[in-house]
Amino acid sequence: GVISAERGRLREAGNLLFHISVLVVLVGFSMGSLFGYK
């Protein structure tokens, strides 16, 4: 007769998404320096 409830697990997904976004930005810049020109 005990209810265990939890919410807010997407907070960690937000943290992971933020770290992944930094990696994506770095990949985007590297694509420009490898395949682009100025």
Full PDB file with SEQRES, HELIX, SHEET, SSBOND, CRYST1, ORIGX, SCALE, CONECT and MASTER records, all heavy atoms in Angstrom:
SEQRES   1 A   38  GLY VAL ILE SER ALA GLU ARG GLY ARG LEU ARG GLU ALA          
SEQRES   2 A   38  GLY ASN LEU LEU PHE HIS ILE SER VAL LEU VAL VAL LEU          
SEQRES   3 A   38  VAL GLY PHE SER MET GLY SER LEU PHE GLY TYR LYS              
HELIX    1 AA1 LEU A   10  PHE A   35  1                                  26    
CRYST1    1.000    1.000    1.000  90.00  90.00  90.00 P 1           1          
ORIGX1      1.000000  0.000000  0.000000        0.00000                         
ORIGX2      0.000000  1.000000  0.000000        0.00000                         
ORIGX3      0.000000  0.000000  1.000000        0.00000                         
SCALE1      1.000000  0.000000  0.000000        0.00000                         
SCALE2      0.000000  1.000000  0.000000        0.00000                         
SCALE3      0.000000  0.000000  1.000000        0.00000                         
ATOM      1  N   GLY A   1       0.795  -1.218   0.000  1.00  0.00           N  
ATOM      2  CA  GLY A   1       0.000   0.000   0.000  1.00  0.00           C  
ATOM      3  C   GLY A   1       0.830   1.271   0.000  1.00  0.00           C  
ATOM      4  O   GLY A   1       0.464   2.245   0.662  1.00  0.00           O  
ATOM      5  N   VAL A   2       1.942   1.286  -0.734  1.00  0.00           N  
ATOM      6  CA  VAL A   2       2.806   2.464  -0.835  1.00  0.00           C  
ATOM      7  C   VAL A   2       2.915   2.869  -2.303  1.00  0.00           C  
ATOM      8  O   VAL A   2       3.195   2.025  -3.167  1.00  0.00           O  
ATOM      9  CB  VAL A   2       4.208   2.192  -0.261  1.00  0.00           C  
ATOM     10  CG1 VAL A   2       5.084   3.436  -0.422  1.00  0.00           C  
ATOM     11  CG2 VAL A   2       4.121   1.808   1.202  1.00  0.00           C  
ATOM     12  N   ILE A   3       2.660   4.157  -2.564  1.00  0.00           N  
ATOM     13  CA  ILE A   3       2.811   4.695  -3.920  1.00  0.00           C  
ATOM     14  C   ILE A   3       4.151   5.420  -4.000  1.00  0.00           C  
ATOM     15  O   ILE A   3       4.451   6.286  -3.175  1.00  0.00           O  
ATOM     16  CB  ILE A   3       1.671   5.661  -4.267  1.00  0.00           C  
ATOM     17  CG1 ILE A   3       0.320   4.925  -4.294  1.00  0.00           C  
ATOM     18  CG2 ILE A   3       1.925   6.329  -5.605  1.00  0.00           C  
ATOM     19  CD1 ILE A   3      -0.863   5.823  -4.558  1.00  0.00           C  
ATOM     20  N   SER A   4       4.934   5.045  -4.985  1.00  0.00           N  
ATOM     21  CA  SER A   4       6.196   5.734  -5.268  1.00  0.00           C  
ATOM     22  C   SER A   4       6.046   6.472  -6.595  1.00  0.00           C  
ATOM     23  O   SER A   4       5.741   5.848  -7.617  1.00  0.00           O  
ATOM     24  CB  SER A   4       7.357   4.740  -5.345  1.00  0.00           C  
ATOM     25  OG  SER A   4       7.495   4.040  -4.120  1.00  0.00           O  
ATOM     26  N   ALA A   5       6.226   7.766  -6.570  1.00  0.00           N  
ATOM     27  CA  ALA A   5       6.015   8.596  -7.763  1.00  0.00           C  
ATOM     28  C   ALA A   5       7.252   9.445  -8.027  1.00  0.00           C  
ATOM     29  O   ALA A   5       7.960   9.854  -7.104  1.00  0.00           O  
ATOM     30  CB  ALA A   5       4.784   9.482  -7.587  1.00  0.00           C  
ATOM     31  N   GLU A   6       7.481   9.722  -9.307  1.00  0.00           N  
ATOM     32  CA  GLU A   6       8.644  10.514  -9.700  1.00  0.00           C  
ATOM     33  C   GLU A   6       8.337  11.269 -10.988  1.00  0.00           C  
ATOM     34  O   GLU A   6       7.624  10.779 -11.859  1.00  0.00           O  
ATOM     35  CB  GLU A   6       9.863   9.602  -9.908  1.00  0.00           C  
ATOM     36  CG  GLU A   6      11.152  10.357 -10.180  1.00  0.00           C  
ATOM     37  CD  GLU A   6      12.350   9.430 -10.320  1.00  0.00           C  
ATOM     38  OE1 GLU A   6      12.146   8.253 -10.694  1.00  0.00           O  
ATOM     39  OE2 GLU A   6      13.481   9.877 -10.060  1.00  0.00           O  
ATOM     40  N   ARG A   7       8.892  12.454 -11.084  1.00  0.00           N  
ATOM     41  CA  ARG A   7       8.793  13.242 -12.321  1.00  0.00           C  
ATOM     42  C   ARG A   7      10.039  14.124 -12.447  1.00  0.00           C  
ATOM     43  O   ARG A   7      10.821  14.265 -11.499  1.00  0.00           O  
ATOM     44  CB  ARG A   7       7.536  14.101 -12.321  1.00  0.00           C  
ATOM     45  CG  ARG A   7       7.637  15.339 -11.477  1.00  0.00           C  
ATOM     46  CD  ARG A   7       6.418  16.214 -11.597  1.00  0.00           C  
ATOM     47  NE  ARG A   7       6.593  17.446 -10.842  1.00  0.00           N  
ATOM     48  CZ  ARG A   7       5.612  18.310 -10.623  1.00  0.00           C  
ATOM     49  NH1 ARG A   7       4.393  18.059 -11.071  1.00  0.00           N  
ATOM     50  NH2 ARG A   7       5.845  19.415  -9.929  1.00  0.00           N  
ATOM     51  N   GLY A   8      10.205  14.717 -13.654  1.00  0.00           N  
ATOM     52  CA  GLY A   8      11.325  15.619 -13.872  1.00  0.00           C  
ATOM     53  C   GLY A   8      12.572  14.936 -14.386  1.00  0.00           C  
ATOM     54  O   GLY A   8      13.670  15.493 -14.292  1.00  0.00           O  
ATOM     55  N   ARG A   9      12.431  13.744 -14.939  1.00  0.00           N  
ATOM     56  CA  ARG A   9      13.625  13.074 -15.460  1.00  0.00           C  
ATOM     57  C   ARG A   9      14.156  13.744 -16.723  1.00  0.00           C  
ATOM     58  O   ARG A   9      15.276  13.468 -17.144  1.00  0.00           O  
ATOM     59  CB  ARG A   9      13.324  11.604 -15.746  1.00  0.00           C  
ATOM     60  CG  ARG A   9      13.032  10.802 -14.490  1.00  0.00           C  
ATOM     61  CD  ARG A   9      13.044   9.335 -14.754  1.00  0.00           C  
ATOM     62  NE  ARG A   9      12.830   8.564 -13.525  1.00  0.00           N  
ATOM     63  CZ  ARG A   9      12.919   7.251 -13.446  1.00  0.00           C  
ATOM     64  NH1 ARG A   9      13.216   6.555 -14.519  1.00  0.00           N  
ATOM     65  NH2 ARG A   9      12.716   6.631 -12.301  1.00  0.00           N  
ATOM     66  N   LEU A  10      13.354  14.611 -17.337  1.00  0.00           N  
ATOM     67  CA  LEU A  10      13.833  15.324 -18.528  1.00  0.00           C  
ATOM     68  C   LEU A  10      14.883  16.380 -18.193  1.00  0.00           C  
ATOM     69  O   LEU A  10      15.522  16.926 -19.090  1.00  0.00           O  
ATOM     70  CB  LEU A  10      12.661  15.985 -19.256  1.00  0.00           C  
ATOM     71  CG  LEU A  10      11.698  15.040 -19.974  1.00  0.00           C  
ATOM     72  CD1 LEU A  10      10.572  15.828 -20.616  1.00  0.00           C  
ATOM     73  CD2 LEU A  10      12.439  14.227 -21.027  1.00  0.00           C  
ATOM     74  N   ARG A  11      15.058  16.664 -16.902  1.00  0.00           N  
ATOM     75  CA  ARG A  11      16.097  17.629 -16.525  1.00  0.00           C  
ATOM     76  C   ARG A  11      17.468  17.118 -16.953  1.00  0.00           C  
ATOM     77  O   ARG A  11      18.279  17.864 -17.526  1.00  0.00           O  
ATOM     78  CB  ARG A  11      16.069  17.868 -15.021  1.00  0.00           C  
ATOM     79  CG  ARG A  11      17.127  18.864 -14.550  1.00  0.00           C  
ATOM     80  CD  ARG A  11      17.133  18.930 -13.043  1.00  0.00           C  
ATOM     81  NE  ARG A  11      18.158  19.846 -12.554  1.00  0.00           N  
ATOM     82  CZ  ARG A  11      17.995  21.142 -12.347  1.00  0.00           C  
ATOM     83  NH1 ARG A  11      16.810  21.687 -12.591  1.00  0.00           N  
ATOM     84  NH2 ARG A  11      18.970  21.891 -11.908  1.00  0.00           N  
ATOM     85  N   GLU A  12      17.738  15.852 -16.710  1.00  0.00           N  
ATOM     86  CA  GLU A  12      19.015  15.284 -17.121  1.00  0.00           C  
ATOM     87  C   GLU A  12      19.121  15.247 -18.642  1.00  0.00           C  
ATOM     88  O   GLU A  12      20.202  15.423 -19.203  1.00  0.00           O  
ATOM     89  CB  GLU A  12      19.178  13.885 -16.539  1.00  0.00           C  
ATOM     90  CG  GLU A  12      20.481  13.197 -16.903  1.00  0.00           C  
ATOM     91  CD  GLU A  12      21.715  13.934 -16.397  1.00  0.00           C  
ATOM     92  OE1 GLU A  12      21.588  14.753 -15.459  1.00  0.00           O  
ATOM     93  OE2 GLU A  12      22.809  13.704 -16.949  1.00  0.00           O  
ATOM     94  N   ALA A  13      17.967  15.040 -19.313  1.00  0.00           N  
ATOM     95  CA  ALA A  13      17.975  15.095 -20.783  1.00  0.00           C  
ATOM     96  C   ALA A  13      18.362  16.486 -21.260  1.00  0.00           C  
ATOM     97  O   ALA A  13      19.073  16.648 -22.257  1.00  0.00           O  
ATOM     98  CB  ALA A  13      16.609  14.705 -21.332  1.00  0.00           C  
ATOM     99  N   GLY A  14      17.898  17.523 -20.537  1.00  0.00           N  
ATOM    100  CA  GLY A  14      18.297  18.888 -20.886  1.00  0.00           C  
ATOM    101  C   GLY A  14      19.788  19.095 -20.723  1.00  0.00           C  
ATOM    102  O   GLY A  14      20.429  19.734 -21.560  1.00  0.00           O  
ATOM    103  N   ASN A  15      20.361  18.546 -19.641  1.00  0.00           N  
ATOM    104  CA  ASN A  15      21.809  18.656 -19.445  1.00  0.00           C  
ATOM    105  C   ASN A  15      22.572  17.965 -20.570  1.00  0.00           C  
ATOM    106  O   ASN A  15      23.549  18.496 -21.108  1.00  0.00           O  
ATOM    107  CB  ASN A  15      22.206  18.048 -18.097  1.00  0.00           C  
ATOM    108  CG  ASN A  15      21.731  18.895 -16.932  1.00  0.00           C  
ATOM    109  OD1 ASN A  15      21.616  20.107 -17.044  1.00  0.00           O  
ATOM    110  ND2 ASN A  15      21.444  18.259 -15.812  1.00  0.00           N  
ATOM    111  N   LEU A  16      22.120  16.745 -20.908  1.00  0.00           N  
ATOM    112  CA  LEU A  16      22.777  16.016 -21.997  1.00  0.00           C  
ATOM    113  C   LEU A  16      22.634  16.751 -23.321  1.00  0.00           C  
ATOM    114  O   LEU A  16      23.573  16.822 -24.120  1.00  0.00           O  
ATOM    115  CB  LEU A  16      22.178  14.614 -22.104  1.00  0.00           C  
ATOM    116  CG  LEU A  16      22.586  13.616 -21.025  1.00  0.00           C  
ATOM    117  CD1 LEU A  16      21.788  12.320 -21.170  1.00  0.00           C  
ATOM    118  CD2 LEU A  16      24.072  13.313 -21.100  1.00  0.00           C  
ATOM    119  N   LEU A  17      21.443  17.307 -23.552  1.00  0.00           N  
ATOM    120  CA  LEU A  17      21.203  18.029 -24.795  1.00  0.00           C  
ATOM    121  C   LEU A  17      22.107  19.256 -24.893  1.00  0.00           C  
ATOM    122  O   LEU A  17      22.620  19.584 -25.974  1.00  0.00           O  
ATOM    123  CB  LEU A  17      19.733  18.455 -24.876  1.00  0.00           C  
ATOM    124  CG  LEU A  17      19.220  18.902 -26.249  1.00  0.00           C  
ATOM    125  CD1 LEU A  17      19.336  17.769 -27.256  1.00  0.00           C  
ATOM    126  CD2 LEU A  17      17.776  19.360 -26.142  1.00  0.00           C  
ATOM    127  N   PHE A  18      22.337  19.915 -23.773  1.00  0.00           N  
ATOM    128  CA  PHE A  18      23.222  21.077 -23.777  1.00  0.00           C  
ATOM    129  C   PHE A  18      24.653  20.669 -24.132  1.00  0.00           C  
ATOM    130  O   PHE A  18      25.326  21.325 -24.930  1.00  0.00           O  
ATOM    131  CB  PHE A  18      23.191  21.765 -22.416  1.00  0.00           C  
ATOM    132  CG  PHE A  18      24.073  22.977 -22.332  1.00  0.00           C  
ATOM    133  CD1 PHE A  18      23.672  24.176 -22.883  1.00  0.00           C  
ATOM    134  CD2 PHE A  18      25.312  22.903 -21.712  1.00  0.00           C  
ATOM    135  CE1 PHE A  18      24.480  25.294 -22.818  1.00  0.00           C  
ATOM    136  CE2 PHE A  18      26.131  24.019 -21.644  1.00  0.00           C  
ATOM    137  CZ  PHE A  18      25.714  25.217 -22.193  1.00  0.00           C  
ATOM    138  N   HIS A  19      25.126  19.569 -23.554  1.00  0.00           N  
ATOM    139  CA  HIS A  19      26.473  19.098 -23.868  1.00  0.00           C  
ATOM    140  C   HIS A  19      26.581  18.653 -25.328  1.00  0.00           C  
ATOM    141  O   HIS A  19      27.585  18.908 -26.000  1.00  0.00           O  
ATOM    142  CB  HIS A  19      26.857  17.939 -22.941  1.00  0.00           C  
ATOM    143  CG  HIS A  19      27.133  18.373 -21.530  1.00  0.00           C  
ATOM    144  ND1 HIS A  19      26.128  18.576 -20.613  1.00  0.00           N  
ATOM    145  CD2 HIS A  19      28.292  18.660 -20.892  1.00  0.00           C  
ATOM    146  CE1 HIS A  19      26.655  18.955 -19.469  1.00  0.00           C  
ATOM    147  NE2 HIS A  19      27.973  19.013 -19.601  1.00  0.00           N  
ATOM    148  N   ILE A  20      25.540  17.993 -25.814  1.00  0.00           N  
ATOM    149  CA  ILE A  20      25.539  17.565 -27.214  1.00  0.00           C  
ATOM    150  C   ILE A  20      25.543  18.779 -28.133  1.00  0.00           C  
ATOM    151  O   ILE A  20      26.190  18.784 -29.187  1.00  0.00           O  
ATOM    152  CB  ILE A  20      24.323  16.663 -27.493  1.00  0.00           C  
ATOM    153  CG1 ILE A  20      24.472  15.325 -26.751  1.00  0.00           C  
ATOM    154  CG2 ILE A  20      24.162  16.403 -28.985  1.00  0.00           C  
ATOM    155  CD1 ILE A  20      23.243  14.442 -26.819  1.00  0.00           C  
ATOM    156  N   SER A  21      24.834  19.850 -27.725  1.00  0.00           N  
ATOM    157  CA  SER A  21      24.773  21.052 -28.567  1.00  0.00           C  
ATOM    158  C   SER A  21      26.157  21.681 -28.728  1.00  0.00           C  
ATOM    159  O   SER A  21      26.491  22.175 -29.808  1.00  0.00           O  
ATOM    160  CB  SER A  21      23.802  22.063 -27.960  1.00  0.00           C  
ATOM    161  OG  SER A  21      24.332  22.624 -26.767  1.00  0.00           O  
ATOM    162  N   VAL A  22      26.956  21.675 -27.667  1.00  0.00           N  
ATOM    163  CA  VAL A  22      28.324  22.206 -27.780  1.00  0.00           C  
ATOM    164  C   VAL A  22      29.110  21.390 -28.798  1.00  0.00           C  
ATOM    165  O   VAL A  22      29.845  21.946 -29.630  1.00  0.00           O  
ATOM    166  CB  VAL A  22      29.022  22.187 -26.405  1.00  0.00           C  
ATOM    167  CG1 VAL A  22      30.465  22.664 -26.542  1.00  0.00           C  
ATOM    168  CG2 VAL A  22      28.273  23.063 -25.417  1.00  0.00           C  
ATOM    169  N   LEU A  23      28.928  20.080 -28.758  1.00  0.00           N  
ATOM    170  CA  LEU A  23      29.610  19.208 -29.715  1.00  0.00           C  
ATOM    171  C   LEU A  23      29.134  19.485 -31.142  1.00  0.00           C  
ATOM    172  O   LEU A  23      29.937  19.519 -32.083  1.00  0.00           O  
ATOM    173  CB  LEU A  23      29.358  17.752 -29.341  1.00  0.00           C  
ATOM    174  CG  LEU A  23      30.134  16.684 -30.109  1.00  0.00           C  
ATOM    175  CD1 LEU A  23      31.631  16.866 -29.934  1.00  0.00           C  
ATOM    176  CD2 LEU A  23      29.724  15.287 -29.653  1.00  0.00           C  
ATOM    177  N   VAL A  24      27.815  19.696 -31.297  1.00  0.00           N  
ATOM    178  CA  VAL A  24      27.265  19.984 -32.627  1.00  0.00           C  
ATOM    179  C   VAL A  24      27.816  21.305 -33.167  1.00  0.00           C  
ATOM    180  O   VAL A  24      28.161  21.419 -34.346  1.00  0.00           O  
ATOM    181  CB  VAL A  24      25.722  20.015 -32.575  1.00  0.00           C  
ATOM    182  CG1 VAL A  24      25.136  20.499 -33.895  1.00  0.00           C  
ATOM    183  CG2 VAL A  24      25.177  18.626 -32.263  1.00  0.00           C  
ATOM    184  N   VAL A  25      27.910  22.316 -32.300  1.00  0.00           N  
ATOM    185  CA  VAL A  25      28.458  23.608 -32.727  1.00  0.00           C  
ATOM    186  C   VAL A  25      29.905  23.446 -33.173  1.00  0.00           C  
ATOM    187  O   VAL A  25      30.331  24.001 -34.207  1.00  0.00           O  
ATOM    188  CB  VAL A  25      28.349  24.639 -31.590  1.00  0.00           C  
ATOM    189  CG1 VAL A  25      29.126  25.907 -31.933  1.00  0.00           C  
ATOM    190  CG2 VAL A  25      26.893  24.988 -31.335  1.00  0.00           C  
ATOM    191  N   LEU A  26      30.688  22.683 -32.417  1.00  0.00           N  
ATOM    192  CA  LEU A  26      32.082  22.448 -32.791  1.00  0.00           C  
ATOM    193  C   LEU A  26      32.186  21.719 -34.123  1.00  0.00           C  
ATOM    194  O   LEU A  26      33.042  22.036 -34.956  1.00  0.00           O  
ATOM    195  CB  LEU A  26      32.787  21.644 -31.692  1.00  0.00           C  
ATOM    196  CG  LEU A  26      32.985  22.368 -30.349  1.00  0.00           C  
ATOM    197  CD1 LEU A  26      33.587  21.416 -29.326  1.00  0.00           C  
ATOM    198  CD2 LEU A  26      33.859  23.590 -30.517  1.00  0.00           C  
ATOM    199  N   VAL A  27      31.304  20.745 -34.333  1.00  0.00           N  
ATOM    200  CA  VAL A  27      31.302  20.028 -35.612  1.00  0.00           C  
ATOM    201  C   VAL A  27      30.934  20.967 -36.754  1.00  0.00           C  
ATOM    202  O   VAL A  27      31.524  20.915 -37.840  1.00  0.00           O  
ATOM    203  CB  VAL A  27      30.327  18.829 -35.556  1.00  0.00           C  
ATOM    204  CG1 VAL A  27      30.138  18.219 -36.937  1.00  0.00           C  
ATOM    205  CG2 VAL A  27      30.841  17.772 -34.589  1.00  0.00           C  
ATOM    206  N   GLY A  28      29.962  21.868 -36.506  1.00  0.00           N  
ATOM    207  CA  GLY A  28      29.569  22.827 -37.535  1.00  0.00           C  
ATOM    208  C   GLY A  28      30.716  23.739 -37.929  1.00  0.00           C  
ATOM    209  O   GLY A  28      30.964  23.980 -39.119  1.00  0.00           O  
ATOM    210  N   PHE A  29      31.441  24.234 -36.929  1.00  0.00           N  
ATOM    211  CA  PHE A  29      32.587  25.092 -37.236  1.00  0.00           C  
ATOM    212  C   PHE A  29      33.688  24.315 -37.959  1.00  0.00           C  
ATOM    213  O   PHE A  29      34.343  24.849 -38.863  1.00  0.00           O  
ATOM    214  CB  PHE A  29      33.140  25.708 -35.954  1.00  0.00           C  
ATOM    215  CG  PHE A  29      32.332  26.863 -35.440  1.00  0.00           C  
ATOM    216  CD1 PHE A  29      31.893  26.903 -34.133  1.00  0.00           C  
ATOM    217  CD2 PHE A  29      31.988  27.912 -36.273  1.00  0.00           C  
ATOM    218  CE1 PHE A  29      31.136  27.963 -33.657  1.00  0.00           C  
ATOM    219  CE2 PHE A  29      31.235  28.977 -35.819  1.00  0.00           C  
ATOM    220  CZ  PHE A  29      30.807  29.001 -34.499  1.00  0.00           C  
ATOM    221  N   SER A  30      33.900  23.076 -37.557  1.00  0.00           N  
ATOM    222  CA  SER A  30      34.942  22.286 -38.221  1.00  0.00           C  
ATOM    223  C   SER A  30      34.574  21.996 -39.673  1.00  0.00           C  
ATOM    224  O   SER A  30      35.449  21.958 -40.544  1.00  0.00           O  
ATOM    225  CB  SER A  30      35.174  20.980 -37.460  1.00  0.00           C  
ATOM    226  OG  SER A  30      34.023  20.153 -37.497  1.00  0.00           O  
ATOM    227  N   MET A  31      33.275  21.812 -39.956  1.00  0.00           N  
ATOM    228  CA  MET A  31      32.845  21.616 -41.342  1.00  0.00           C  
ATOM    229  C   MET A  31      33.182  22.847 -42.190  1.00  0.00           C  
ATOM    230  O   MET A  31      33.631  22.723 -43.331  1.00  0.00           O  
ATOM    231  CB  MET A  31      31.339  21.338 -41.391  1.00  0.00           C  
ATOM    232  CG  MET A  31      30.920  19.978 -40.885  1.00  0.00           C  
ATOM    233  SD  MET A  31      29.118  19.781 -40.868  1.00  0.00           S  
ATOM    234  CE  MET A  31      28.738  20.009 -42.601  1.00  0.00           C  
ATOM    235  N   GLY A  32      32.963  24.034 -41.594  1.00  0.00           N  
ATOM    236  CA  GLY A  32      33.274  25.248 -42.330  1.00  0.00           C  
ATOM    237  C   GLY A  32      34.759  25.398 -42.614  1.00  0.00           C  
ATOM    238  O   GLY A  32      35.155  25.806 -43.704  1.00  0.00           O  
ATOM    239  N   SER A  33      35.613  25.042 -41.624  1.00  0.00           N  
ATOM    240  CA  SER A  33      37.052  25.181 -41.823  1.00  0.00           C  
ATOM    241  C   SER A  33      37.621  24.096 -42.727  1.00  0.00           C  
ATOM    242  O   SER A  33      38.654  24.298 -43.362  1.00  0.00           O  
ATOM    243  CB  SER A  33      37.761  25.137 -40.467  1.00  0.00           C  
ATOM    244  OG  SER A  33      37.537  23.898 -39.825  1.00  0.00           O  
ATOM    245  N   LEU A  34      36.950  22.951 -42.827  1.00  0.00           N  
ATOM    246  CA  LEU A  34      37.447  21.855 -43.671  1.00  0.00           C  
ATOM    247  C   LEU A  34      36.969  21.981 -45.110  1.00  0.00           C  
ATOM    248  O   LEU A  34      37.745  21.800 -46.058  1.00  0.00           O  
ATOM    249  CB  LEU A  34      37.015  20.512 -43.095  1.00  0.00           C  
ATOM    250  CG  LEU A  34      37.689  20.062 -41.795  1.00  0.00           C  
ATOM    251  CD1 LEU A  34      37.051  18.785 -41.282  1.00  0.00           C  
ATOM    252  CD2 LEU A  34      39.181  19.867 -41.986  1.00  0.00           C  
ATOM    253  N   PHE A  35      35.687  22.285 -45.291  1.00  0.00           N  
ATOM    254  CA  PHE A  35      35.100  22.258 -46.634  1.00  0.00           C  
ATOM    255  C   PHE A  35      34.801  23.642 -47.198  1.00  0.00           C  
ATOM    256  O   PHE A  35      34.418  23.760 -48.356  1.00  0.00           O  
ATOM    257  CB  PHE A  35      33.796  21.440 -46.620  1.00  0.00           C  
ATOM    258  CG  PHE A  35      33.977  20.019 -46.186  1.00  0.00           C  
ATOM    259  CD1 PHE A  35      33.682  19.617 -44.897  1.00  0.00           C  
ATOM    260  CD2 PHE A  35      34.470  19.074 -47.079  1.00  0.00           C  
ATOM    261  CE1 PHE A  35      33.852  18.306 -44.494  1.00  0.00           C  
ATOM    262  CE2 PHE A  35      34.637  17.756 -46.687  1.00  0.00           C  
ATOM    263  CZ  PHE A  35      34.343  17.369 -45.388  1.00  0.00           C  
ATOM    264  N   GLY A  36      34.961  24.678 -46.386  1.00  0.00           N  
ATOM    265  CA  GLY A  36      34.663  26.022 -46.867  1.00  0.00           C  
ATOM    266  C   GLY A  36      35.911  26.765 -47.306  1.00  0.00           C  
ATOM    267  O   GLY A  36      37.002  26.204 -47.416  1.00  0.00           O  
ATOM    268  N   TYR A  37      35.749  28.032 -47.551  1.00  0.00           N  
ATOM    269  CA  TYR A  37      36.876  28.887 -47.913  1.00  0.00           C  
ATOM    270  C   TYR A  37      36.514  30.325 -47.583  1.00  0.00           C  
ATOM    271  O   TYR A  37      35.349  30.667 -47.347  1.00  0.00           O  
ATOM    272  CB  TYR A  37      37.237  28.759 -49.394  1.00  0.00           C  
ATOM    273  CG  TYR A  37      36.151  29.214 -50.350  1.00  0.00           C  
ATOM    274  CD1 TYR A  37      36.048  30.550 -50.738  1.00  0.00           C  
ATOM    275  CD2 TYR A  37      35.227  28.317 -50.874  1.00  0.00           C  
ATOM    276  CE1 TYR A  37      35.059  30.974 -51.610  1.00  0.00           C  
ATOM    277  CE2 TYR A  37      34.238  28.726 -51.756  1.00  0.00           C  
ATOM    278  CZ  TYR A  37      34.161  30.056 -52.115  1.00  0.00           C  
ATOM    279  OH  TYR A  37      33.180  30.479 -52.979  1.00  0.00           O  
ATOM    280  N   LYS A  38      37.538  31.164 -47.560  1.00  0.00           N  
ATOM    281  CA  LYS A  38      37.343  32.582 -47.304  1.00  0.00           C  
ATOM    282  C   LYS A  38      38.366  33.352 -48.118  1.00  0.00           C  
ATOM    283  O   LYS A  38      39.540  32.980 -48.162  1.00  0.00           O  
ATOM    284  CB  LYS A  38      37.505  32.878 -45.816  1.00  0.00           C  
ATOM    285  CG  LYS A  38      37.211  34.323 -45.434  1.00  0.00           C  
ATOM    286  CD  LYS A  38      37.393  34.525 -43.949  1.00  0.00           C  
ATOM    287  CE  LYS A  38      36.354  33.758 -43.164  1.00  0.00           C  
ATOM    288  NZ  LYS A  38      36.489  33.984 -41.710  1.00  0.00           N  
TER     289      LYS A  38                                                      
MASTER        0    0    0    1    0    0    0    6  288    1    0    3          
END                                                                             
